[in-house]
Amino acid sequence: MGIITYLMVKRTASIEEVLAAVEAARDKVMADEVKSLTKLGIPKAMAYQMIASRFHQKVGNQEEAEADPFEGNATSWEEIG
């Protein structure tokens, strides 16, 4: 009746590993959402565009996603006044 203990070694992940994990998780979520939308009868291309716009991704031959109103491309205060 021996108890086996495992020595856990703390290892820090590199930035590249963290980014790869985040991108893989994002890709899985996007794929799941596209799959759900196509089950509802939305065409696959349209589903990809809808999901990509939510995740600010470029789709196919689309040059640039819709501008984010919270990014620094808004008019300056001088132009408003």
N, C-alpha and C. Protein backbone atom coordinates (compact mmCIF):
# COMPACT_ATOMS: atom_id res chain seq x y z
N MET A 1 0.83 -1.18 0.00
CA MET A 1 0.00 0.00 0.00
C MET A 1 0.88 1.24 0.00
N GLY A 2 1.70 1.32 -0.95
CA GLY A 2 2.58 2.48 -1.01
C GLY A 2 1.90 3.65 -1.72
N ILE A 3 2.26 4.80 -1.29
CA ILE A 3 1.72 6.02 -1.90
C ILE A 3 2.80 6.59 -2.80
N ILE A 4 2.44 6.80 -4.02
CA ILE A 4 3.39 7.36 -4.98
C ILE A 4 3.16 8.86 -5.05
N THR A 5 4.22 9.59 -4.83
CA THR A 5 4.12 11.05 -4.95
C THR A 5 4.94 11.49 -6.15
N TYR A 6 4.42 12.45 -6.84
CA TYR A 6 5.09 12.97 -8.02
C TYR A 6 5.66 14.34 -7.69
N LEU A 7 6.88 14.55 -8.09
CA LEU A 7 7.51 15.85 -7.90
C LEU A 7 7.06 16.76 -9.03
N MET A 8 6.40 17.83 -8.67
CA MET A 8 5.93 18.77 -9.69
C MET A 8 6.96 19.87 -9.84
N VAL A 9 7.37 20.07 -11.04
CA VAL A 9 8.35 21.10 -11.34
C VAL A 9 7.62 22.27 -11.98
N LYS A 10 7.80 23.44 -11.40
CA LYS A 10 7.19 24.64 -11.99
C LYS A 10 7.99 25.04 -13.21
N ARG A 11 7.30 25.21 -14.30
CA ARG A 11 7.95 25.61 -15.54
C ARG A 11 7.22 26.82 -16.07
N THR A 12 7.97 27.81 -16.44
CA THR A 12 7.33 28.99 -17.00
C THR A 12 7.19 28.81 -18.51
N ALA A 13 6.07 29.26 -19.01
CA ALA A 13 5.81 29.15 -20.45
C ALA A 13 6.38 30.38 -21.16
N SER A 14 6.86 30.16 -22.35
CA SER A 14 7.37 31.29 -23.13
C SER A 14 6.19 32.07 -23.70
N ILE A 15 6.45 33.26 -24.13
CA ILE A 15 5.40 34.10 -24.73
C ILE A 15 4.82 33.41 -25.96
N GLU A 16 5.68 32.78 -26.74
CA GLU A 16 5.22 32.09 -27.95
C GLU A 16 4.25 30.96 -27.60
N GLU A 17 4.54 30.23 -26.52
CA GLU A 17 3.66 29.14 -26.10
C GLU A 17 2.30 29.67 -25.63
N VAL A 18 2.33 30.77 -24.90
CA VAL A 18 1.08 31.36 -24.43
C VAL A 18 0.26 31.87 -25.61
N LEU A 19 0.91 32.56 -26.54
CA LEU A 19 0.20 33.06 -27.72
C LEU A 19 -0.38 31.92 -28.55
N ALA A 20 0.38 30.86 -28.71
CA ALA A 20 -0.10 29.71 -29.48
C ALA A 20 -1.32 29.09 -28.80
N ALA A 21 -1.30 29.00 -27.48
CA ALA A 21 -2.43 28.43 -26.75
C ALA A 21 -3.66 29.31 -26.87
N VAL A 22 -3.48 30.62 -26.78
CA VAL A 22 -4.61 31.55 -26.91
C VAL A 22 -5.19 31.49 -28.32
N GLU A 23 -4.32 31.48 -29.33
CA GLU A 23 -4.80 31.40 -30.71
C GLU A 23 -5.52 30.09 -30.98
N ALA A 24 -5.02 29.00 -30.45
CA ALA A 24 -5.68 27.71 -30.64
C ALA A 24 -7.06 27.70 -29.99
N ALA A 25 -7.15 28.28 -28.80
CA ALA A 25 -8.46 28.34 -28.12
C ALA A 25 -9.42 29.23 -28.90
N ARG A 26 -8.94 30.36 -29.39
CA ARG A 26 -9.78 31.26 -30.18
C ARG A 26 -10.28 30.55 -31.45
N ASP A 27 -9.37 29.85 -32.12
CA ASP A 27 -9.75 29.14 -33.35
C ASP A 27 -10.81 28.09 -33.07
N LYS A 28 -10.70 27.40 -31.95
CA LYS A 28 -11.70 26.38 -31.62
C LYS A 28 -13.05 27.02 -31.33
N VAL A 29 -13.05 28.12 -30.59
CA VAL A 29 -14.31 28.81 -30.30
C VAL A 29 -14.94 29.30 -31.59
N MET A 30 -14.13 29.89 -32.48
CA MET A 30 -14.66 30.38 -33.75
C MET A 30 -15.24 29.23 -34.58
N ALA A 31 -14.54 28.11 -34.64
CA ALA A 31 -15.02 26.96 -35.41
C ALA A 31 -16.33 26.43 -34.83
N ASP A 32 -16.42 26.37 -33.51
CA ASP A 32 -17.66 25.90 -32.87
C ASP A 32 -18.83 26.84 -33.18
N GLU A 33 -18.57 28.15 -33.16
CA GLU A 33 -19.64 29.10 -33.45
C GLU A 33 -20.08 29.03 -34.90
N VAL A 34 -19.13 28.87 -35.83
CA VAL A 34 -19.48 28.72 -37.24
C VAL A 34 -20.32 27.46 -37.43
N LYS A 35 -19.93 26.39 -36.78
CA LYS A 35 -20.67 25.12 -36.87
C LYS A 35 -22.11 25.31 -36.36
N SER A 36 -22.25 26.02 -35.24
CA SER A 36 -23.59 26.26 -34.69
C SER A 36 -24.44 27.10 -35.64
N LEU A 37 -23.84 28.12 -36.23
CA LEU A 37 -24.60 28.98 -37.15
C LEU A 37 -25.01 28.23 -38.42
N THR A 38 -24.13 27.36 -38.92
CA THR A 38 -24.49 26.61 -40.12
C THR A 38 -25.61 25.60 -39.82
N LYS A 39 -25.65 25.10 -38.59
CA LYS A 39 -26.77 24.21 -38.20
C LYS A 39 -28.09 24.96 -38.20
N LEU A 40 -28.03 26.27 -37.96
CA LEU A 40 -29.24 27.09 -37.97
C LEU A 40 -29.66 27.49 -39.39
N GLY A 41 -28.85 27.10 -40.38
CA GLY A 41 -29.20 27.37 -41.77
C GLY A 41 -28.49 28.57 -42.38
N ILE A 42 -27.59 29.20 -41.65
CA ILE A 42 -26.84 30.33 -42.20
C ILE A 42 -25.74 29.77 -43.08
N PRO A 43 -25.55 30.32 -44.29
CA PRO A 43 -24.49 29.83 -45.17
C PRO A 43 -23.11 29.96 -44.50
N LYS A 44 -22.25 29.00 -44.81
CA LYS A 44 -20.95 28.93 -44.14
C LYS A 44 -20.13 30.21 -44.33
N ALA A 45 -20.11 30.75 -45.55
CA ALA A 45 -19.33 31.97 -45.81
C ALA A 45 -19.84 33.14 -44.97
N MET A 46 -21.16 33.26 -44.86
CA MET A 46 -21.73 34.33 -44.05
C MET A 46 -21.41 34.12 -42.56
N ALA A 47 -21.46 32.87 -42.12
CA ALA A 47 -21.14 32.56 -40.72
C ALA A 47 -19.69 32.93 -40.42
N TYR A 48 -18.77 32.59 -41.35
CA TYR A 48 -17.37 32.96 -41.15
C TYR A 48 -17.21 34.47 -41.02
N GLN A 49 -17.90 35.22 -41.88
CA GLN A 49 -17.80 36.69 -41.83
C GLN A 49 -18.35 37.23 -40.51
N MET A 50 -19.47 36.69 -40.06
CA MET A 50 -20.07 37.16 -38.80
C MET A 50 -19.12 36.91 -37.63
N ILE A 51 -18.58 35.72 -37.57
CA ILE A 51 -17.70 35.36 -36.46
C ILE A 51 -16.38 36.12 -36.55
N ALA A 52 -15.85 36.26 -37.75
CA ALA A 52 -14.58 36.98 -37.92
C ALA A 52 -14.72 38.44 -37.50
N SER A 53 -15.87 39.04 -37.77
CA SER A 53 -16.06 40.44 -37.37
C SER A 53 -16.09 40.57 -35.85
N ARG A 54 -16.63 39.56 -35.18
CA ARG A 54 -16.65 39.58 -33.71
C ARG A 54 -15.26 39.42 -33.13
N PHE A 55 -14.40 38.66 -33.82
CA PHE A 55 -13.05 38.42 -33.33
C PHE A 55 -12.03 39.30 -34.05
N HIS A 56 -12.49 40.27 -34.82
CA HIS A 56 -11.64 41.21 -35.55
C HIS A 56 -10.62 40.48 -36.42
N GLN A 57 -11.09 39.52 -37.19
CA GLN A 57 -10.23 38.76 -38.09
C GLN A 57 -10.53 39.14 -39.52
N LYS A 58 -9.53 39.02 -40.40
CA LYS A 58 -9.75 39.24 -41.83
C LYS A 58 -10.27 37.94 -42.44
N VAL A 59 -11.22 38.05 -43.36
CA VAL A 59 -11.82 36.88 -43.98
C VAL A 59 -11.59 36.94 -45.48
N GLY A 60 -11.04 35.86 -46.03
CA GLY A 60 -10.89 35.73 -47.47
C GLY A 60 -10.20 36.92 -48.09
N ASN A 61 -10.89 37.57 -49.04
CA ASN A 61 -10.29 38.70 -49.76
C ASN A 61 -10.66 40.03 -49.13
N GLN A 62 -11.21 40.01 -47.95
CA GLN A 62 -11.60 41.24 -47.26
C GLN A 62 -10.34 41.99 -46.85
N GLU A 63 -10.22 43.23 -47.27
CA GLU A 63 -9.02 44.01 -47.01
C GLU A 63 -8.86 44.32 -45.53
N GLU A 64 -9.90 44.84 -44.90
CA GLU A 64 -9.80 45.21 -43.50
C GLU A 64 -11.14 45.03 -42.84
N ALA A 65 -11.10 44.57 -41.61
CA ALA A 65 -12.35 44.41 -40.86
C ALA A 65 -12.91 45.79 -40.54
N GLU A 66 -14.17 45.82 -40.15
CA GLU A 66 -14.82 47.08 -39.78
C GLU A 66 -14.04 47.75 -38.66
N ALA A 67 -13.89 49.06 -38.75
CA ALA A 67 -13.10 49.79 -37.76
C ALA A 67 -13.73 49.69 -36.38
N ASP A 68 -12.89 49.52 -35.39
CA ASP A 68 -13.34 49.44 -34.01
C ASP A 68 -13.51 50.87 -33.48
N PRO A 69 -14.69 51.23 -33.01
CA PRO A 69 -14.90 52.61 -32.55
C PRO A 69 -14.09 52.95 -31.30
N PHE A 70 -13.56 51.95 -30.62
CA PHE A 70 -12.80 52.21 -29.40
C PHE A 70 -11.30 52.30 -29.65
N GLU A 71 -10.88 52.11 -30.90
CA GLU A 71 -9.46 52.25 -31.21
C GLU A 71 -9.17 53.70 -31.57
N GLY A 72 -7.91 54.02 -31.74
CA GLY A 72 -7.48 55.41 -31.91
C GLY A 72 -7.75 56.02 -33.27
N ASN A 73 -8.73 55.55 -34.01
CA ASN A 73 -8.99 56.11 -35.33
C ASN A 73 -10.17 57.09 -35.32
N ALA A 74 -10.61 57.51 -34.14
CA ALA A 74 -11.71 58.45 -34.05
C ALA A 74 -11.21 59.87 -34.29
N THR A 75 -12.13 60.79 -34.48
CA THR A 75 -11.75 62.18 -34.68
C THR A 75 -11.19 62.75 -33.39
N SER A 76 -10.32 63.73 -33.53
CA SER A 76 -9.71 64.33 -32.34
C SER A 76 -10.66 65.37 -31.75
N TRP A 77 -10.38 65.77 -30.52
CA TRP A 77 -11.21 66.76 -29.84
C TRP A 77 -11.17 68.09 -30.58
N GLU A 78 -10.05 68.41 -31.21
CA GLU A 78 -9.95 69.68 -31.96
C GLU A 78 -10.93 69.70 -33.13
N GLU A 79 -11.08 68.55 -33.80
CA GLU A 79 -12.01 68.46 -34.93
C GLU A 79 -13.44 68.54 -34.48
N ILE A 80 -13.74 68.07 -33.29
CA ILE A 80 -15.11 68.10 -32.77
C ILE A 80 -15.51 69.51 -32.40
N GLY A 81 -14.60 70.25 -31.76
CA GLY A 81 -14.91 71.58 -31.26
C GLY A 81 -14.87 72.65 -32.26
